[in-house]
Every structure is written in C-alpha cells, then in structure tokens.
Amino acid sequence: MPAVPHDIAIGFILLPLAVLAALSVLMIRRSRSLWWVVAVMVGWMALTSMLALSGALAGFESGQPRIPILVLTQLVFVIWLAWFSGWSGSLAQMSQISLVGLQCFRIPVEFLLAELVDRKLLAVEMTFQGGNFDILAGATAVMLAIWLQRDGEESLRSVVLGWNLMGLCLLTTALAQGLLSIPYPFQLLYLSVPTFIVASFPVVWLPTVLVPIAFLLHIVSIRRCLAERIGTPEQAES
C-alpha cells in the first residue's frame, strides 16, 4: 500500500473532522435528541480509521469488497436517517443556507485529490482535470447559499431542488467511478492509476465519511424543499 504524504494526510484528517463538527452543531442546535447521530458518526469514523490502519481494507486480492460494503452501509444509514427515521423532520428544519452552504467542503476535497494525482497516487480521471466535475457542486453551493441569504428560501425552492438533483448526479457518478476502479478481482473500471489509496488512512474518510455526509445534506435539503410545498417539516413528517 502506498503511503499518504503527510501534507495531504493532514488535509484528509482536518477536513472530515471540521465538516462533521459543523454538521453536529447544526443538528444539535435543531434537536438535542440528534446527539446520538453525532455519536454514531464519530464511532463510524473511529471504526473506519482502525480498519484502514490495521490493513484490513487493503486485502484487495481476497475478493471481499470491504470498502464498497462500508460505503453502502453508511449510505443506507444516511438515507434512512434523512428520509424515513423519526428524526427526519427535525433534520429538515435546518436552514437551506446551512444545508447548501456546507457542501462547499467539496471544493477542498477536489484539490486534495488533485494533489494525490500529482504524487501519482490517484488517477487523473478522478479529478476535475479528468472529467470529474463534482467540484461544480461545491462552487455553486457557495453562490446558491449567498443567493438564499439575499432572496430567502420561498422564492428559490425550485432552484434549490434542481441544484440538489445536479449535485446528487455528480456525487453518484464520482462515487461509482471510484468504487468500480478499486483493484478487486472483479474490478470493472480500469483507470490510469488503480484506486488503492482509498484503503489508506485518512483517505478512507473520503468515501466512508465525506461522501455520505454530502448525500445526507442533499437528501435533507430535498426533503425540506418538498416539505415546504405541503406545509412545515413537522406536518410532512406526521
């Protein structure tokens, strides 16, 4: 397994911690009962870091898709949490400015990925230099948050909904490309550099922490858009 350069590792440690801290503050401010979600996410970060540091995720030749299993497990959790759980209404009460604006973390993610490409640790196809345009979601999140601050949510519901659908498409495409290019025996996508690096700490937090958080923010934002069309989030939940 290639080692993650120290400067890039610092970025992949600080960014997920900062994003989770910001999301935790937003959730607990809305409902103190959401503290358990924060605890689950912190525990998940600890688990994935231990698996990566122990080398358990690097057994590509075994044929066991451990990284995809971890990613899909967390995605199922955030989808349930944002749409089907009893706390989905509380989450949907977070402001659209917060839900949209926090997605700006996808900008530094792309620059960290570009640094990995420069060190020959990641395929250029996984970055904005090679056709991965997920950075657009982060850049437009900043502009949309400013627009929401100026004009309010009511007049921009359709815009926010469309932006979320675009962001989900970009995110899903990037995630699928990354997972399909991991060098398992059943690897389906062959890029210029196999995606070994996602099994290393702290890069493992990209697919197992940051990507699920991005999905969570999109889904909660969409639920808020739809809830506002039929009433308050509490009415939509009941």
C-alpha atoms as a PDB file:
ATOM      1  CA  MET A   1       0.000   0.000   0.000  1.00  0.00           C
ATOM      2  CA  PRO A   2       1.367   3.451  -0.895  1.00  0.00           C
ATOM      3  CA  ALA A   3       1.848   5.850   1.988  1.00  0.00           C
ATOM      4  CA  VAL A   4      -0.201   9.038   2.059  1.00  0.00           C
ATOM      5  CA  PRO A   5       2.113  12.097   2.046  1.00  0.00           C
ATOM      6  CA  HIS A   6       1.991  13.947   5.350  1.00  0.00           C
ATOM      7  CA  ASP A   7       0.713  17.239   3.925  1.00  0.00           C
ATOM      8  CA  ILE A   8      -2.159  15.525   2.120  1.00  0.00           C
ATOM      9  CA  ALA A   9      -2.885  13.339   5.158  1.00  0.00           C
ATOM     10  CA  ILE A  10      -3.308  16.429   7.329  1.00  0.00           C
ATOM     11  CA  GLY A  11      -5.897  17.745   4.895  1.00  0.00           C
ATOM     12  CA  PHE A  12      -7.816  14.470   4.834  1.00  0.00           C
ATOM     13  CA  ILE A  13      -7.839  14.440   8.657  1.00  0.00           C
ATOM     14  CA  LEU A  14      -8.794  18.052   9.321  1.00  0.00           C
ATOM     15  CA  LEU A  15     -11.450  18.378   6.603  1.00  0.00           C
ATOM     16  CA  PRO A  16     -13.700  15.462   7.688  1.00  0.00           C
ATOM     17  CA  LEU A  17     -13.342  16.495  11.337  1.00  0.00           C
ATOM     18  CA  ALA A  18     -14.309  20.090  10.519  1.00  0.00           C
ATOM     19  CA  VAL A  19     -17.261  19.068   8.352  1.00  0.00           C
ATOM     20  CA  LEU A  20     -18.579  16.627  10.949  1.00  0.00           C
ATOM     21  CA  ALA A  21     -18.154  19.231  13.692  1.00  0.00           C
ATOM     22  CA  ALA A  22     -20.115  21.817  11.681  1.00  0.00           C
ATOM     23  CA  LEU A  23     -22.871  19.317  10.879  1.00  0.00           C
ATOM     24  CA  SER A  24     -23.018  18.215  14.528  1.00  0.00           C
ATOM     25  CA  VAL A  25     -23.531  21.783  15.710  1.00  0.00           C
ATOM     26  CA  LEU A  26     -26.322  22.303  13.178  1.00  0.00           C
ATOM     27  CA  MET A  27     -28.090  19.089  14.194  1.00  0.00           C
ATOM     28  CA  ILE A  28     -27.828  19.520  17.951  1.00  0.00           C
ATOM     29  CA  ARG A  29     -28.988  23.132  17.714  1.00  0.00           C
ATOM     30  CA  ARG A  30     -32.107  21.869  15.954  1.00  0.00           C
ATOM     31  CA  SER A  31     -32.796  18.951  18.286  1.00  0.00           C
ATOM     32  CA  ARG A  32     -30.811  17.696  21.269  1.00  0.00           C
ATOM     33  CA  SER A  33     -32.134  14.210  20.546  1.00  0.00           C
ATOM     34  CA  LEU A  34     -29.846  14.128  17.499  1.00  0.00           C
ATOM     35  CA  TRP A  35     -26.792  13.783  19.737  1.00  0.00           C
ATOM     36  CA  TRP A  36     -26.960  10.041  19.112  1.00  0.00           C
ATOM     37  CA  VAL A  37     -26.497  10.618  15.370  1.00  0.00           C
ATOM     38  CA  VAL A  38     -23.327  12.540  16.154  1.00  0.00           C
ATOM     39  CA  ALA A  39     -22.182   9.662  18.369  1.00  0.00           C
ATOM     40  CA  VAL A  40     -22.828   7.137  15.576  1.00  0.00           C
ATOM     41  CA  MET A  41     -20.883   9.236  13.066  1.00  0.00           C
ATOM     42  CA  VAL A  42     -17.949   9.699  15.436  1.00  0.00           C
ATOM     43  CA  GLY A  43     -17.955   5.968  16.133  1.00  0.00           C
ATOM     44  CA  TRP A  44     -18.070   5.277  12.402  1.00  0.00           C
ATOM     45  CA  MET A  45     -15.028   7.495  11.848  1.00  0.00           C
ATOM     46  CA  ALA A  46     -13.172   5.622  14.572  1.00  0.00           C
ATOM     47  CA  LEU A  47     -14.131   2.234  13.107  1.00  0.00           C
ATOM     48  CA  THR A  48     -13.114   3.058   9.548  1.00  0.00           C
ATOM     49  CA  SER A  49      -9.835   4.582  10.692  1.00  0.00           C
ATOM     50  CA  MET A  50      -8.985   1.472  12.720  1.00  0.00           C
ATOM     51  CA  LEU A  51      -9.821  -0.800   9.778  1.00  0.00           C
ATOM     52  CA  ALA A  52      -7.608   1.249   7.463  1.00  0.00           C
ATOM     53  CA  LEU A  53      -4.704   1.483   9.922  1.00  0.00           C
ATOM     54  CA  SER A  54      -4.824  -2.249  10.621  1.00  0.00           C
ATOM     55  CA  GLY A  55      -4.571  -3.032   6.900  1.00  0.00           C
ATOM     56  CA  ALA A  56      -7.910  -4.843   6.900  1.00  0.00           C
ATOM     57  CA  LEU A  57      -9.148  -2.797   3.942  1.00  0.00           C
ATOM     58  CA  ALA A  58      -6.055  -3.445   1.823  1.00  0.00           C
ATOM     59  CA  GLY A  59      -6.739  -7.102   1.097  1.00  0.00           C
ATOM     60  CA  PHE A  60      -7.828  -6.469  -2.464  1.00  0.00           C
ATOM     61  CA  GLU A  61      -6.816  -9.911  -3.699  1.00  0.00           C
ATOM     62  CA  SER A  62      -9.208 -11.601  -1.251  1.00  0.00           C
ATOM     63  CA  GLY A  63     -12.154 -10.600  -3.401  1.00  0.00           C
ATOM     64  CA  GLN A  64     -14.092  -9.266  -0.416  1.00  0.00           C
ATOM     65  CA  PRO A  65     -15.396  -5.789  -1.341  1.00  0.00           C
ATOM     66  CA  ARG A  66     -14.848  -4.328   2.107  1.00  0.00           C
ATOM     67  CA  ILE A  67     -14.688  -0.683   1.075  1.00  0.00           C
ATOM     68  CA  PRO A  68     -17.891  -0.805  -1.045  1.00  0.00           C
ATOM     69  CA  ILE A  69     -19.640  -2.582   1.832  1.00  0.00           C
ATOM     70  CA  LEU A  70     -18.600   0.156   4.256  1.00  0.00           C
ATOM     71  CA  VAL A  71     -19.684   2.911   1.866  1.00  0.00           C
ATOM     72  CA  LEU A  72     -23.048   1.329   1.042  1.00  0.00           C
ATOM     73  CA  THR A  73     -23.717   0.614   4.728  1.00  0.00           C
ATOM     74  CA  GLN A  74     -23.258   4.274   5.608  1.00  0.00           C
ATOM     75  CA  LEU A  75     -25.309   5.406   2.607  1.00  0.00           C
ATOM     76  CA  VAL A  76     -28.193   3.200   3.696  1.00  0.00           C
ATOM     77  CA  PHE A  77     -27.925   4.739   7.155  1.00  0.00           C
ATOM     78  CA  VAL A  78     -27.995   8.351   5.946  1.00  0.00           C
ATOM     79  CA  ILE A  79     -30.878   7.684   3.540  1.00  0.00           C
ATOM     80  CA  TRP A  80     -32.864   6.121   6.379  1.00  0.00           C
ATOM     81  CA  LEU A  81     -31.918   8.944   8.711  1.00  0.00           C
ATOM     82  CA  ALA A  82     -32.789  11.749   6.288  1.00  0.00           C
ATOM     83  CA  TRP A  83     -35.992  10.353   4.830  1.00  0.00           C
ATOM     84  CA  PHE A  84     -37.514   7.547   6.881  1.00  0.00           C
ATOM     85  CA  SER A  85     -36.427   7.937  10.501  1.00  0.00           C
ATOM     86  CA  GLY A  86     -38.390   9.686  13.213  1.00  0.00           C
ATOM     87  CA  TRP A  87     -35.728  12.405  13.221  1.00  0.00           C
ATOM     88  CA  SER A  88     -36.052  13.259   9.524  1.00  0.00           C
ATOM     89  CA  GLY A  89     -38.458  16.097  10.316  1.00  0.00           C
ATOM     90  CA  SER A  90     -36.023  17.632  12.786  1.00  0.00           C
ATOM     91  CA  LEU A  91     -33.227  17.425  10.245  1.00  0.00           C
ATOM     92  CA  ALA A  92     -35.429  19.072   7.625  1.00  0.00           C
ATOM     93  CA  GLN A  93     -35.840  22.079   9.909  1.00  0.00           C
ATOM     94  CA  MET A  94     -32.207  23.047   9.372  1.00  0.00           C
ATOM     95  CA  SER A  95     -31.998  26.103   7.136  1.00  0.00           C
ATOM     96  CA  GLN A  96     -31.375  25.685   3.450  1.00  0.00           C
ATOM     97  CA  ILE A  97     -28.486  28.121   3.718  1.00  0.00           C
ATOM     98  CA  SER A  98     -26.754  25.716   6.106  1.00  0.00           C
ATOM     99  CA  LEU A  99     -27.640  22.587   4.142  1.00  0.00           C
ATOM    100  CA  VAL A 100     -26.452  24.091   0.867  1.00  0.00           C
ATOM    101  CA  GLY A 101     -23.530  26.128   2.156  1.00  0.00           C
ATOM    102  CA  LEU A 102     -21.869  23.246   3.993  1.00  0.00           C
ATOM    103  CA  GLN A 103     -21.482  21.466   0.659  1.00  0.00           C
ATOM    104  CA  CYS A 104     -18.650  23.880  -0.114  1.00  0.00           C
ATOM    105  CA  PHE A 105     -16.344  21.325   1.544  1.00  0.00           C
ATOM    106  CA  ARG A 106     -16.335  19.563  -1.837  1.00  0.00           C
ATOM    107  CA  ILE A 107     -14.012  22.280  -3.171  1.00  0.00           C
ATOM    108  CA  PRO A 108     -11.027  21.433  -0.914  1.00  0.00           C
ATOM    109  CA  VAL A 109     -11.743  17.731  -1.442  1.00  0.00           C
ATOM    110  CA  GLU A 110     -11.098  18.144  -5.150  1.00  0.00           C
ATOM    111  CA  PHE A 111      -7.845  19.995  -4.538  1.00  0.00           C
ATOM    112  CA  LEU A 112      -6.690  17.232  -2.204  1.00  0.00           C
ATOM    113  CA  LEU A 113      -7.493  14.692  -4.906  1.00  0.00           C
ATOM    114  CA  ALA A 114      -5.527  16.770  -7.408  1.00  0.00           C
ATOM    115  CA  GLU A 115      -2.550  16.619  -5.055  1.00  0.00           C
ATOM    116  CA  LEU A 116      -2.833  12.822  -4.973  1.00  0.00           C
ATOM    117  CA  VAL A 117      -2.786  12.824  -8.762  1.00  0.00           C
ATOM    118  CA  ASP A 118       0.374  14.941  -8.749  1.00  0.00           C
ATOM    119  CA  ARG A 119       2.026  12.328  -6.487  1.00  0.00           C
ATOM    120  CA  LYS A 120       0.928   9.502  -8.863  1.00  0.00           C
ATOM    121  CA  LEU A 121      -1.321   8.029  -6.168  1.00  0.00           C
ATOM    122  CA  LEU A 122      -4.654   8.568  -7.916  1.00  0.00           C
ATOM    123  CA  ALA A 123      -5.938   8.525 -11.473  1.00  0.00           C
ATOM    124  CA  VAL A 124      -6.440  11.906 -13.109  1.00  0.00           C
ATOM    125  CA  GLU A 125      -9.897  10.685 -14.157  1.00  0.00           C
ATOM    126  CA  MET A 126     -10.965  11.028 -10.519  1.00  0.00           C
ATOM    127  CA  THR A 127     -10.421  14.807 -10.525  1.00  0.00           C
ATOM    128  CA  PHE A 128     -11.794  17.880 -12.291  1.00  0.00           C
ATOM    129  CA  GLN A 129      -8.753  17.656 -14.575  1.00  0.00           C
ATOM    130  CA  GLY A 130     -10.030  14.375 -15.955  1.00  0.00           C
ATOM    131  CA  GLY A 131     -13.784  14.744 -16.163  1.00  0.00           C
ATOM    132  CA  ASN A 132     -14.944  14.509 -12.539  1.00  0.00           C
ATOM    133  CA  PHE A 133     -16.950  17.706 -12.185  1.00  0.00           C
ATOM    134  CA  ASP A 134     -18.082  17.281  -8.578  1.00  0.00           C
ATOM    135  CA  ILE A 135     -16.218  20.477  -7.758  1.00  0.00           C
ATOM    136  CA  LEU A 136     -19.062  22.307  -9.507  1.00  0.00           C
ATOM    137  CA  ALA A 137     -21.394  21.273  -6.698  1.00  0.00           C
ATOM    138  CA  GLY A 138     -19.081  22.836  -4.138  1.00  0.00           C
ATOM    139  CA  ALA A 139     -18.533  26.032  -6.101  1.00  0.00           C
ATOM    140  CA  THR A 140     -22.213  26.542  -6.873  1.00  0.00           C
ATOM    141  CA  ALA A 141     -23.086  25.760  -3.239  1.00  0.00           C
ATOM    142  CA  VAL A 142     -21.315  28.948  -2.205  1.00  0.00           C
ATOM    143  CA  MET A 143     -23.156  31.026  -4.810  1.00  0.00           C
ATOM    144  CA  LEU A 144     -26.522  29.448  -4.020  1.00  0.00           C
ATOM    145  CA  ALA A 145     -26.068  29.996  -0.276  1.00  0.00           C
ATOM    146  CA  ILE A 146     -25.406  33.697  -0.924  1.00  0.00           C
ATOM    147  CA  TRP A 147     -28.478  33.833  -3.168  1.00  0.00           C
ATOM    148  CA  LEU A 148     -30.581  32.168  -0.465  1.00  0.00           C
ATOM    149  CA  GLN A 149     -29.321  34.670   2.083  1.00  0.00           C
ATOM    150  CA  ARG A 150     -30.388  37.516  -0.180  1.00  0.00           C
ATOM    151  CA  ASP A 151     -33.740  36.272  -1.526  1.00  0.00           C
ATOM    152  CA  GLY A 152     -34.865  33.660   1.014  1.00  0.00           C
ATOM    153  CA  GLU A 153     -35.936  30.038   0.567  1.00  0.00           C
ATOM    154  CA  GLU A 154     -39.503  30.606  -0.536  1.00  0.00           C
ATOM    155  CA  SER A 155     -38.702  32.002  -3.976  1.00  0.00           C
ATOM    156  CA  LEU A 156     -35.835  29.590  -4.625  1.00  0.00           C
ATOM    157  CA  ARG A 157     -37.351  26.203  -3.819  1.00  0.00           C
ATOM    158  CA  SER A 158     -37.279  25.026  -7.438  1.00  0.00           C
ATOM    159  CA  VAL A 159     -33.724  26.274  -7.884  1.00  0.00           C
ATOM    160  CA  VAL A 160     -32.555  24.511  -4.712  1.00  0.00           C
ATOM    161  CA  LEU A 161     -34.325  21.310  -5.723  1.00  0.00           C
ATOM    162  CA  GLY A 162     -32.726  21.357  -9.165  1.00  0.00           C
ATOM    163  CA  TRP A 163     -29.315  22.108  -7.676  1.00  0.00           C
ATOM    164  CA  ASN A 164     -29.627  19.167  -5.289  1.00  0.00           C
ATOM    165  CA  LEU A 165     -30.512  16.813  -8.123  1.00  0.00           C
ATOM    166  CA  MET A 166     -27.499  18.032 -10.076  1.00  0.00           C
ATOM    167  CA  GLY A 167     -25.267  17.607  -7.035  1.00  0.00           C
ATOM    168  CA  LEU A 168     -26.545  14.087  -6.415  1.00  0.00           C
ATOM    169  CA  CYS A 169     -25.838  13.120 -10.021  1.00  0.00           C
ATOM    170  CA  LEU A 170     -22.291  14.467  -9.849  1.00  0.00           C
ATOM    171  CA  LEU A 171     -21.663  12.832  -6.481  1.00  0.00           C
ATOM    172  CA  THR A 172     -23.094   9.453  -7.513  1.00  0.00           C
ATOM    173  CA  THR A 173     -21.058   9.445 -10.714  1.00  0.00           C
ATOM    174  CA  ALA A 174     -17.830  10.213  -8.852  1.00  0.00           C
ATOM    175  CA  LEU A 175     -18.568   7.612  -6.184  1.00  0.00           C
ATOM    176  CA  ALA A 176     -19.407   4.903  -8.724  1.00  0.00           C
ATOM    177  CA  GLN A 177     -16.234   5.664 -10.660  1.00  0.00           C
ATOM    178  CA  GLY A 178     -14.161   5.400  -7.503  1.00  0.00           C
ATOM    179  CA  LEU A 179     -15.717   2.154  -6.267  1.00  0.00           C
ATOM    180  CA  LEU A 180     -15.618   0.429  -9.651  1.00  0.00           C
ATOM    181  CA  SER A 181     -11.926   1.245 -10.075  1.00  0.00           C
ATOM    182  CA  ILE A 182     -10.792  -0.304  -6.773  1.00  0.00           C
ATOM    183  CA  PRO A 183      -8.496  -3.212  -7.764  1.00  0.00           C
ATOM    184  CA  TYR A 184     -10.592  -6.135  -6.599  1.00  0.00           C
ATOM    185  CA  PRO A 185     -10.574  -9.281  -8.776  1.00  0.00           C
ATOM    186  CA  PHE A 186     -13.941  -8.156 -10.181  1.00  0.00           C
ATOM    187  CA  GLN A 187     -12.736  -4.598 -10.946  1.00  0.00           C
ATOM    188  CA  LEU A 188     -14.944  -3.159 -13.695  1.00  0.00           C
ATOM    189  CA  LEU A 189     -13.310   0.190 -14.419  1.00  0.00           C
ATOM    190  CA  TYR A 190      -9.637   0.472 -15.286  1.00  0.00           C
ATOM    191  CA  LEU A 191      -8.215   3.957 -14.835  1.00  0.00           C
ATOM    192  CA  SER A 192      -4.683   5.240 -15.356  1.00  0.00           C
ATOM    193  CA  VAL A 193      -3.949   4.521 -11.666  1.00  0.00           C
ATOM    194  CA  PRO A 194      -5.889   1.902  -9.636  1.00  0.00           C
ATOM    195  CA  THR A 195      -7.725   3.363  -6.654  1.00  0.00           C
ATOM    196  CA  PHE A 196      -5.558   1.697  -3.987  1.00  0.00           C
ATOM    197  CA  ILE A 197      -5.294   4.857  -1.931  1.00  0.00           C
ATOM    198  CA  VAL A 198      -8.864   4.777  -0.579  1.00  0.00           C
ATOM    199  CA  ALA A 199      -7.885   1.877   1.680  1.00  0.00           C
ATOM    200  CA  SER A 200      -5.304   4.058   3.434  1.00  0.00           C
ATOM    201  CA  PHE A 201      -5.889   6.272   6.454  1.00  0.00           C
ATOM    202  CA  PRO A 202      -7.025   9.044   6.357  1.00  0.00           C
ATOM    203  CA  VAL A 203      -8.102   8.948   2.675  1.00  0.00           C
ATOM    204  CA  VAL A 204     -10.567   6.237   3.689  1.00  0.00           C
ATOM    205  CA  TRP A 205     -12.637   9.010   5.281  1.00  0.00           C
ATOM    206  CA  LEU A 206     -13.396  10.411   1.827  1.00  0.00           C
ATOM    207  CA  PRO A 207     -15.726   7.591   0.673  1.00  0.00           C
ATOM    208  CA  THR A 208     -16.846   6.499   4.150  1.00  0.00           C
ATOM    209  CA  VAL A 209     -17.430   9.882   5.841  1.00  0.00           C
ATOM    210  CA  LEU A 210     -17.408  12.871   3.492  1.00  0.00           C
ATOM    211  CA  VAL A 211     -19.377  11.256   0.666  1.00  0.00           C
ATOM    212  CA  PRO A 212     -22.176  10.039   2.999  1.00  0.00           C
ATOM    213  CA  ILE A 213     -22.345  13.496   4.605  1.00  0.00           C
ATOM    214  CA  ALA A 214     -22.723  15.054   1.148  1.00  0.00           C
ATOM    215  CA  PHE A 215     -25.565  12.612   0.400  1.00  0.00           C
ATOM    216  CA  LEU A 216     -27.161  13.405   3.755  1.00  0.00           C
ATOM    217  CA  LEU A 217     -27.103  17.152   3.106  1.00  0.00           C
ATOM    218  CA  HIS A 218     -28.606  16.709  -0.350  1.00  0.00           C
ATOM    219  CA  ILE A 219     -31.392  14.400   0.826  1.00  0.00           C
ATOM    220  CA  VAL A 220     -32.309  16.572   3.812  1.00  0.00           C
ATOM    221  CA  SER A 221     -32.337  19.638   1.582  1.00  0.00           C
ATOM    222  CA  ILE A 222     -34.613  17.899  -0.929  1.00  0.00           C
ATOM    223  CA  ARG A 223     -36.921  16.785   1.865  1.00  0.00           C
ATOM    224  CA  ARG A 224     -37.087  20.362   3.103  1.00  0.00           C
ATOM    225  CA  CYS A 225     -37.956  21.611  -0.387  1.00  0.00           C
ATOM    226  CA  LEU A 226     -40.763  19.077  -0.718  1.00  0.00           C
ATOM    227  CA  ALA A 227     -41.983  19.592   2.844  1.00  0.00           C
ATOM    228  CA  GLU A 228     -42.300  23.327   2.279  1.00  0.00           C
ATOM    229  CA  ARG A 229     -44.585  22.636  -0.669  1.00  0.00           C
ATOM    230  CA  ILE A 230     -47.115  20.865   1.540  1.00  0.00           C
ATOM    231  CA  GLY A 231     -46.551  22.578   4.867  1.00  0.00           C
ATOM    232  CA  THR A 232     -43.969  22.627   7.625  1.00  0.00           C
ATOM    233  CA  PRO A 233     -41.442  19.835   8.126  1.00  0.00           C
ATOM    234  CA  GLU A 234     -43.390  18.660  11.146  1.00  0.00           C
ATOM    235  CA  GLN A 235     -46.564  18.343   9.077  1.00  0.00           C
ATOM    236  CA  ALA A 236     -44.688  16.462   6.399  1.00  0.00           C
ATOM    237  CA  GLU A 237     -43.398  14.010   8.991  1.00  0.00           C
ATOM    238  CA  SER A 238     -46.778  13.266  10.527  1.00  0.00           C
END
